[in-house]
Amino acid sequence: MDCTIQNLENAEEGYVKIERYNDASIQVLQNAYQTVLDNISGEDSKREGLVKTPLRVAKSIQFLTQGYQQDPVEILKSAMFKEEYRQMVLVKDIEIFSMCEHHMLPFFGKAHVAYIPNGYITGLSKIARVVDAFSRRLQVQERLTTQIKECIQDTLNPLGVAVVIEAQHMCMVMRGVQKQHSVTTTSDFSGAFQKQATRDEFINLIQSNLR
C-alpha cells in the first residue's frame, strides 16, 4: 500500500512537496537500518539524533531508487511527435545522481545525450527524465550509459544516439583509493554516431560554451 505525504508548509509560496512511500517496505527497511545502527561500534543508537534515523534512511533509499517504478519507454512515448527534422538534437549537462551497486555509495555528475531523428522527435524534458529513471536505481556507470542509449534507440528508432556520462564516485573519493578529484567518463554510440565526423560534432558541441 502506498502512502502519500504532502508537506504544505510553503504552499503560499507555490511549493508543495509530495512524497510517496511503500509502507510495507518502509517498515522492513527501517528495521534493517536499526540493526545497522545497533552494530556500529562505539555508537549509541538510542541517542536523540539517531532515534528517527532508521525511518529517515528507509524513506531516503526509496526515493533514491524510485527509478525502478518508472518506465523510461513510456516516458519517451508520452511525448512522441512526427517531425522531418534530421539534424542532431543534443541535451547536455543533465545532472545525474545514482547509487553504486557495489558499495551503495553515491556517484554523481552530468550526462550528455544526443540523437538524430528519423521521423519522430520527443519532448526535450523526456530525455532528462529517461536519464533520471535509469540513474535512480542501483547502478554502475557503464550500464547506465548503455541503458540510456538503448532505450532511446529502441523507442524512437532514430538514425543514431550518443551518450556520454562524466561522474565522480564516492566509493573512490571517500573510501578505497581515495582519489578525490578523479572523474570517470563513459560513452556509447549507435548508428550515425559511429561515424567519426558525426561523433566529432557531438564531442565539440558538449565541450562548447554556446548559450
C-alpha atoms as a PDB file:
ATOM      1  CA  MET A   1       0.000   0.000   0.000  1.00  0.00           C
ATOM      2  CA  ASP A   2       1.421   3.373  -0.977  1.00  0.00           C
ATOM      3  CA  CYS A   3       1.421   6.203   1.498  1.00  0.00           C
ATOM      4  CA  THR A   4       1.366   9.759   0.151  1.00  0.00           C
ATOM      5  CA  ILE A   5       2.707  12.530   2.341  1.00  0.00           C
ATOM      6  CA  GLN A   6       2.142  16.156   1.441  1.00  0.00           C
ATOM      7  CA  ASN A   7       4.147  18.953   3.000  1.00  0.00           C
ATOM      8  CA  LEU A   8       2.127  22.143   2.584  1.00  0.00           C
ATOM      9  CA  GLU A   9       4.495  24.227   4.675  1.00  0.00           C
ATOM     10  CA  ASN A  10       5.418  26.507   1.767  1.00  0.00           C
ATOM     11  CA  ALA A  11       2.152  26.252  -0.156  1.00  0.00           C
ATOM     12  CA  GLU A  12       1.651  30.021  -0.011  1.00  0.00           C
ATOM     13  CA  GLU A  13       4.895  30.433  -1.954  1.00  0.00           C
ATOM     14  CA  GLY A  14       3.744  27.938  -4.579  1.00  0.00           C
ATOM     15  CA  TYR A  15       5.786  24.998  -3.310  1.00  0.00           C
ATOM     16  CA  VAL A  16       4.155  21.701  -2.424  1.00  0.00           C
ATOM     17  CA  LYS A  17       6.300  18.700  -1.600  1.00  0.00           C
ATOM     18  CA  ILE A  18       4.750  15.331  -2.413  1.00  0.00           C
ATOM     19  CA  GLU A  19       6.459  12.110  -1.407  1.00  0.00           C
ATOM     20  CA  ARG A  20       5.204   8.568  -1.941  1.00  0.00           C
ATOM     21  CA  TYR A  21       6.413   5.564   0.012  1.00  0.00           C
ATOM     22  CA  ASN A  22       5.526   1.908   0.239  1.00  0.00           C
ATOM     23  CA  ASP A  23       4.527   1.377   3.866  1.00  0.00           C
ATOM     24  CA  ALA A  24       5.408  -2.326   3.985  1.00  0.00           C
ATOM     25  CA  SER A  25       8.869  -1.778   2.533  1.00  0.00           C
ATOM     26  CA  ILE A  26       9.484   1.204   4.781  1.00  0.00           C
ATOM     27  CA  GLN A  27       8.916  -0.934   7.873  1.00  0.00           C
ATOM     28  CA  VAL A  28      11.266  -3.684   6.676  1.00  0.00           C
ATOM     29  CA  LEU A  29      13.941  -1.164   5.703  1.00  0.00           C
ATOM     30  CA  GLN A  30      13.543   0.721   8.965  1.00  0.00           C
ATOM     31  CA  ASN A  31      14.155  -2.463  10.942  1.00  0.00           C
ATOM     32  CA  ALA A  32      17.191  -3.286   8.815  1.00  0.00           C
ATOM     33  CA  TYR A  33      18.760   0.136   9.278  1.00  0.00           C
ATOM     34  CA  GLN A  34      18.055  -0.043  13.011  1.00  0.00           C
ATOM     35  CA  THR A  35      20.127  -3.239  13.063  1.00  0.00           C
ATOM     36  CA  VAL A  36      22.904  -1.451  11.186  1.00  0.00           C
ATOM     37  CA  LEU A  37      22.940   1.397  13.724  1.00  0.00           C
ATOM     38  CA  ASP A  38      22.892  -1.040  16.633  1.00  0.00           C
ATOM     39  CA  ASN A  39      26.033  -2.681  15.234  1.00  0.00           C
ATOM     40  CA  ILE A  40      28.152   0.416  14.609  1.00  0.00           C
ATOM     41  CA  SER A  41      30.916   0.072  17.160  1.00  0.00           C
ATOM     42  CA  GLY A  42      31.126   2.952  19.641  1.00  0.00           C
ATOM     43  CA  GLU A  43      27.756   4.485  18.693  1.00  0.00           C
ATOM     44  CA  ASP A  44      24.624   4.789  20.798  1.00  0.00           C
ATOM     45  CA  SER A  45      21.657   4.128  18.530  1.00  0.00           C
ATOM     46  CA  LYS A  46      19.283   5.331  21.260  1.00  0.00           C
ATOM     47  CA  ARG A  47      20.601   8.879  21.447  1.00  0.00           C
ATOM     48  CA  GLU A  48      18.320  11.716  20.320  1.00  0.00           C
ATOM     49  CA  GLY A  49      19.963  12.397  16.969  1.00  0.00           C
ATOM     50  CA  LEU A  50      19.648   8.763  15.859  1.00  0.00           C
ATOM     51  CA  VAL A  51      16.220   7.780  17.182  1.00  0.00           C
ATOM     52  CA  LYS A  52      14.447   8.575  13.900  1.00  0.00           C
ATOM     53  CA  THR A  53      17.405   7.892  11.624  1.00  0.00           C
ATOM     54  CA  PRO A  54      16.294   4.382  10.544  1.00  0.00           C
ATOM     55  CA  LEU A  55      12.959   5.786   9.312  1.00  0.00           C
ATOM     56  CA  ARG A  56      14.643   8.703   7.573  1.00  0.00           C
ATOM     57  CA  VAL A  57      17.134   6.434   5.804  1.00  0.00           C
ATOM     58  CA  ALA A  58      14.381   3.986   4.817  1.00  0.00           C
ATOM     59  CA  LYS A  59      12.468   6.819   3.141  1.00  0.00           C
ATOM     60  CA  SER A  60      15.660   8.155   1.609  1.00  0.00           C
ATOM     61  CA  ILE A  61      16.617   4.860  -0.034  1.00  0.00           C
ATOM     62  CA  GLN A  62      13.127   4.506  -1.511  1.00  0.00           C
ATOM     63  CA  PHE A  63      13.451   7.976  -3.001  1.00  0.00           C
ATOM     64  CA  LEU A  64      16.952   7.305  -4.318  1.00  0.00           C
ATOM     65  CA  THR A  65      15.810   4.102  -6.051  1.00  0.00           C
ATOM     66  CA  GLN A  66      12.451   5.330  -7.362  1.00  0.00           C
ATOM     67  CA  GLY A  67      13.605   4.657 -10.921  1.00  0.00           C
ATOM     68  CA  TYR A  68      12.504   1.036 -10.561  1.00  0.00           C
ATOM     69  CA  GLN A  69       8.892   2.288 -10.531  1.00  0.00           C
ATOM     70  CA  GLN A  70       9.352   4.367 -13.694  1.00  0.00           C
ATOM     71  CA  ASP A  71       9.130   3.111 -17.276  1.00  0.00           C
ATOM     72  CA  PRO A  72      11.622   5.006 -19.483  1.00  0.00           C
ATOM     73  CA  VAL A  73       9.996   3.699 -22.674  1.00  0.00           C
ATOM     74  CA  GLU A  74       6.611   5.080 -21.654  1.00  0.00           C
ATOM     75  CA  ILE A  75       8.263   8.372 -20.711  1.00  0.00           C
ATOM     76  CA  LEU A  76       9.501   8.764 -24.281  1.00  0.00           C
ATOM     77  CA  LYS A  77       6.266   7.546 -25.851  1.00  0.00           C
ATOM     78  CA  SER A  78       4.244  10.063 -23.833  1.00  0.00           C
ATOM     79  CA  ALA A  79       5.656  12.865 -25.987  1.00  0.00           C
ATOM     80  CA  MET A  80       6.499  11.454 -29.427  1.00  0.00           C
ATOM     81  CA  PHE A  81       5.793  13.717 -32.376  1.00  0.00           C
ATOM     82  CA  LYS A  82       6.151  13.224 -36.121  1.00  0.00           C
ATOM     83  CA  GLU A  83       8.779  15.599 -37.422  1.00  0.00           C
ATOM     84  CA  GLU A  84      11.024  15.616 -40.514  1.00  0.00           C
ATOM     85  CA  TYR A  85      13.954  17.254 -38.732  1.00  0.00           C
ATOM     86  CA  ARG A  86      17.051  15.119 -39.321  1.00  0.00           C
ATOM     87  CA  GLN A  87      19.846  17.028 -37.611  1.00  0.00           C
ATOM     88  CA  MET A  88      21.369  16.409 -34.227  1.00  0.00           C
ATOM     89  CA  VAL A  89      19.284  17.047 -31.115  1.00  0.00           C
ATOM     90  CA  LEU A  90      21.520  17.435 -28.054  1.00  0.00           C
ATOM     91  CA  VAL A  91      20.575  17.782 -24.400  1.00  0.00           C
ATOM     92  CA  LYS A  92      23.747  18.281 -22.405  1.00  0.00           C
ATOM     93  CA  ASP A  93      24.715  18.830 -18.773  1.00  0.00           C
ATOM     94  CA  ILE A  94      21.854  16.702 -17.436  1.00  0.00           C
ATOM     95  CA  GLU A  95      22.560  16.242 -13.731  1.00  0.00           C
ATOM     96  CA  ILE A  96      22.671  12.630 -12.592  1.00  0.00           C
ATOM     97  CA  PHE A  97      22.566  11.204  -9.084  1.00  0.00           C
ATOM     98  CA  SER A  98      22.863   7.458  -8.712  1.00  0.00           C
ATOM     99  CA  MET A  99      23.931   4.751  -6.263  1.00  0.00           C
ATOM    100  CA  CYS A 100      26.865   2.429  -6.898  1.00  0.00           C
ATOM    101  CA  GLU A 101      25.541  -1.124  -6.604  1.00  0.00           C
ATOM    102  CA  HIS A 102      28.842  -2.404  -5.216  1.00  0.00           C
ATOM    103  CA  HIS A 103      29.060  -0.183  -2.122  1.00  0.00           C
ATOM    104  CA  MET A 104      25.697   1.651  -2.159  1.00  0.00           C
ATOM    105  CA  LEU A 105      27.533   4.962  -2.159  1.00  0.00           C
ATOM    106  CA  PRO A 106      26.514   7.810  -4.475  1.00  0.00           C
ATOM    107  CA  PHE A 107      28.009   8.735  -7.795  1.00  0.00           C
ATOM    108  CA  PHE A 108      27.004  11.958  -9.476  1.00  0.00           C
ATOM    109  CA  GLY A 109      27.822  14.129 -12.441  1.00  0.00           C
ATOM    110  CA  LYS A 110      26.444  15.041 -15.841  1.00  0.00           C
ATOM    111  CA  ALA A 111      25.047  13.204 -18.840  1.00  0.00           C
ATOM    112  CA  HIS A 112      25.145  14.453 -22.427  1.00  0.00           C
ATOM    113  CA  VAL A 113      22.597  12.823 -24.740  1.00  0.00           C
ATOM    114  CA  ALA A 114      22.072  13.344 -28.459  1.00  0.00           C
ATOM    115  CA  TYR A 115      20.055  11.683 -31.185  1.00  0.00           C
ATOM    116  CA  ILE A 116      19.349  12.244 -34.878  1.00  0.00           C
ATOM    117  CA  PRO A 117      15.600  11.900 -35.542  1.00  0.00           C
ATOM    118  CA  ASN A 118      14.249   9.537 -38.162  1.00  0.00           C
ATOM    119  CA  GLY A 119      10.639  10.668 -38.454  1.00  0.00           C
ATOM    120  CA  TYR A 120       9.965  11.193 -34.750  1.00  0.00           C
ATOM    121  CA  ILE A 121      11.183  13.528 -32.040  1.00  0.00           C
ATOM    122  CA  THR A 122      10.417  13.513 -28.311  1.00  0.00           C
ATOM    123  CA  GLY A 123       9.956  16.272 -25.755  1.00  0.00           C
ATOM    124  CA  LEU A 124      13.326  17.553 -24.544  1.00  0.00           C
ATOM    125  CA  SER A 125      12.361  17.094 -20.907  1.00  0.00           C
ATOM    126  CA  LYS A 126      11.665  13.423 -21.626  1.00  0.00           C
ATOM    127  CA  ILE A 127      15.351  12.858 -22.380  1.00  0.00           C
ATOM    128  CA  ALA A 128      16.250  14.177 -18.938  1.00  0.00           C
ATOM    129  CA  ARG A 129      13.515  12.067 -17.349  1.00  0.00           C
ATOM    130  CA  VAL A 130      14.831   8.919 -19.031  1.00  0.00           C
ATOM    131  CA  VAL A 131      18.278   9.671 -17.621  1.00  0.00           C
ATOM    132  CA  ASP A 132      16.720  10.132 -14.190  1.00  0.00           C
ATOM    133  CA  ALA A 133      14.652   6.944 -14.396  1.00  0.00           C
ATOM    134  CA  PHE A 134      17.721   4.813 -15.079  1.00  0.00           C
ATOM    135  CA  SER A 135      20.027   6.653 -12.675  1.00  0.00           C
ATOM    136  CA  ARG A 136      17.637   6.395  -9.706  1.00  0.00           C
ATOM    137  CA  ARG A 137      18.490   2.717  -9.321  1.00  0.00           C
ATOM    138  CA  LEU A 138      21.407   0.678  -8.029  1.00  0.00           C
ATOM    139  CA  GLN A 139      23.808   1.124 -10.922  1.00  0.00           C
ATOM    140  CA  VAL A 140      27.229   1.003 -12.467  1.00  0.00           C
ATOM    141  CA  GLN A 141      28.082   3.907 -14.739  1.00  0.00           C
ATOM    142  CA  GLU A 142      28.893   1.671 -17.689  1.00  0.00           C
ATOM    143  CA  ARG A 143      25.460   0.009 -17.683  1.00  0.00           C
ATOM    144  CA  LEU A 144      23.671   3.298 -17.065  1.00  0.00           C
ATOM    145  CA  THR A 145      25.282   4.764 -20.196  1.00  0.00           C
ATOM    146  CA  THR A 146      24.207   1.849 -22.366  1.00  0.00           C
ATOM    147  CA  GLN A 147      20.673   1.666 -20.940  1.00  0.00           C
ATOM    148  CA  ILE A 148      20.007   5.297 -21.823  1.00  0.00           C
ATOM    149  CA  LYS A 149      21.319   4.799 -25.364  1.00  0.00           C
ATOM    150  CA  GLU A 150      19.382   1.580 -25.979  1.00  0.00           C
ATOM    151  CA  CYS A 151      16.109   2.974 -24.620  1.00  0.00           C
ATOM    152  CA  ILE A 152      16.211   5.966 -26.965  1.00  0.00           C
ATOM    153  CA  GLN A 153      17.380   3.864 -29.921  1.00  0.00           C
ATOM    154  CA  ASP A 154      14.739   1.169 -29.460  1.00  0.00           C
ATOM    155  CA  THR A 155      11.853   3.556 -28.760  1.00  0.00           C
ATOM    156  CA  LEU A 156      12.398   6.411 -31.215  1.00  0.00           C
ATOM    157  CA  ASN A 157      14.311   4.416 -33.860  1.00  0.00           C
ATOM    158  CA  PRO A 158      16.496   7.433 -34.683  1.00  0.00           C
ATOM    159  CA  LEU A 159      19.390   7.487 -37.125  1.00  0.00           C
ATOM    160  CA  GLY A 160      21.738   7.331 -34.147  1.00  0.00           C
ATOM    161  CA  VAL A 161      22.163   8.001 -30.426  1.00  0.00           C
ATOM    162  CA  ALA A 162      25.138   9.271 -28.452  1.00  0.00           C
ATOM    163  CA  VAL A 163      25.522   9.229 -24.661  1.00  0.00           C
ATOM    164  CA  VAL A 164      28.466  10.472 -22.598  1.00  0.00           C
ATOM    165  CA  ILE A 165      28.458  10.480 -18.796  1.00  0.00           C
ATOM    166  CA  GLU A 166      31.038  12.172 -16.565  1.00  0.00           C
ATOM    167  CA  ALA A 167      30.770  11.323 -12.876  1.00  0.00           C
ATOM    168  CA  GLN A 168      32.528  11.281  -9.535  1.00  0.00           C
ATOM    169  CA  HIS A 169      32.173   8.146  -7.425  1.00  0.00           C
ATOM    170  CA  MET A 170      32.110   8.352  -3.657  1.00  0.00           C
ATOM    171  CA  CYS A 171      33.453   4.794  -3.451  1.00  0.00           C
ATOM    172  CA  MET A 172      36.660   6.200  -4.975  1.00  0.00           C
ATOM    173  CA  VAL A 173      36.608   9.560  -3.182  1.00  0.00           C
ATOM    174  CA  MET A 174      35.609   8.580   0.363  1.00  0.00           C
ATOM    175  CA  ARG A 175      36.996   5.049   0.640  1.00  0.00           C
ATOM    176  CA  GLY A 176      39.247   2.646  -1.215  1.00  0.00           C
ATOM    177  CA  VAL A 177      41.795   4.508  -3.339  1.00  0.00           C
ATOM    178  CA  GLN A 178      40.554   7.927  -2.074  1.00  0.00           C
ATOM    179  CA  LYS A 179      41.383   9.871  -5.217  1.00  0.00           C
ATOM    180  CA  GLN A 180      39.296  12.954  -4.540  1.00  0.00           C
ATOM    181  CA  HIS A 181      39.406  14.646  -7.938  1.00  0.00           C
ATOM    182  CA  SER A 182      39.010  11.623 -10.184  1.00  0.00           C
ATOM    183  CA  VAL A 183      36.265  11.715 -12.815  1.00  0.00           C
ATOM    184  CA  THR A 184      35.018   8.673 -14.713  1.00  0.00           C
ATOM    185  CA  THR A 185      33.841   9.157 -18.299  1.00  0.00           C
ATOM    186  CA  THR A 186      31.807   6.568 -20.204  1.00  0.00           C
ATOM    187  CA  SER A 187      30.328   6.733 -23.690  1.00  0.00           C
ATOM    188  CA  ASP A 188      28.157   4.707 -26.027  1.00  0.00           C
ATOM    189  CA  PHE A 189      27.159   5.391 -29.630  1.00  0.00           C
ATOM    190  CA  SER A 190      24.853   3.895 -32.214  1.00  0.00           C
ATOM    191  CA  GLY A 191      24.037   4.423 -35.876  1.00  0.00           C
ATOM    192  CA  ALA A 192      25.253   7.702 -37.373  1.00  0.00           C
ATOM    193  CA  PHE A 193      27.345   8.490 -34.291  1.00  0.00           C
ATOM    194  CA  GLN A 194      29.645   5.605 -35.136  1.00  0.00           C
ATOM    195  CA  LYS A 195      30.920   7.766 -37.997  1.00  0.00           C
ATOM    196  CA  GLN A 196      33.898   9.854 -36.965  1.00  0.00           C
ATOM    197  CA  ALA A 197      32.598  13.155 -38.350  1.00  0.00           C
ATOM    198  CA  THR A 198      29.248  12.916 -36.541  1.00  0.00           C
ATOM    199  CA  ARG A 199      30.906  11.815 -33.331  1.00  0.00           C
ATOM    200  CA  ASP A 200      33.380  14.719 -33.541  1.00  0.00           C
ATOM    201  CA  GLU A 201      30.498  17.178 -33.978  1.00  0.00           C
ATOM    202  CA  PHE A 202      28.835  15.760 -30.874  1.00  0.00           C
ATOM    203  CA  ILE A 203      32.043  15.963 -28.811  1.00  0.00           C
ATOM    204  CA  ASN A 204      32.684  19.533 -29.955  1.00  0.00           C
ATOM    205  CA  LEU A 205      29.150  20.578 -29.002  1.00  0.00           C
ATOM    206  CA  ILE A 206      29.272  19.097 -25.482  1.00  0.00           C
ATOM    207  CA  GLN A 207      32.622  20.817 -24.911  1.00  0.00           C
ATOM    208  CA  SER A 208      31.450  24.219 -26.194  1.00  0.00           C
ATOM    209  CA  ASN A 209      30.027  27.024 -24.080  1.00  0.00           C
ATOM    210  CA  LEU A 210      27.374  28.115 -26.568  1.00  0.00           C
ATOM    211  CA  ARG A 211      24.343  29.700 -24.906  1.00  0.00           C
END
